[in-house]
Amino acid sequence: MKLRLVALAAIALLSACSKKGLIDQGGIWVERSACPIAGIPAGTGDITLFNPSTSIAADAIDVTATITNLRVNCNEQGDQVVSTMSFDVVATRRDPTQARQVVLPYFDVVLRAGSQVSAKRLGRVGLNFAQGSYRAETRGQAVARVHRGAASLPADVQRTLTRPRKVGDASAAVDPLTDPAIRTAVANATFEHLVGFQLTEQQLRYNVTR
């Protein structure tokens, strides 16, 4: 779940636009959103169960599942910014002979500045395979709350980032994000709301090396 701060800063500044990239005399105007950036960390959107559990051979794969169709609703009203994510979990199994329920754990985490865990919760989703069916599907949900003040840029940083720059001025050619203080302030005001399967070390290793 490690993300580069420079990339985070760019995403933070471009995550939501009120003027939709309108070109004005001072450049391209965009409006930063206080909503967390939603996503699924690399390597955690899939899970594979084996039978026997000690094997990772292809013929030992029992159940595979994927988190997909991530949908986000963000409410920026009030002091608390509320991010509600819903997602589908789609699974297939090897043996459809009997009806079966498979319960899978998932995490719901809020990251600040790309690496600081502000909150984490664990949940579970149940997949019910009907007799004779190879496939099952269910839906999950995760809710995160971020204080608006923490997700807002300091006034001086906002002024620096939004100051009109004229062509020909020496400062017009300098990206404000090259200033470590500005970059740090943007990173600290940037939150992510992430969801993924709560994997064991073996399961994560399988995902990243298969």
Foldseek 3Di string as FASTA:
>chain_A
DFDDLVVLLVCQQAVAAPVVQDQDQLGTDGHGDLAAAEDADPLFQKFWAFVVRVDPDPVRTFKIKGKDDWDWDWDPPDQKIKIKIKIKIKMFGDDLAAKDKDKFKKKKFKDALRHRTPDMDMDIDIWIRHRPGGMTMDMDMDMDIDGSVQLDAPPVLVCVQPPRDHPPDPCSPDHPCVPVVSSVRSRRNHMHIYMGTPDDPVRSVVSVPD
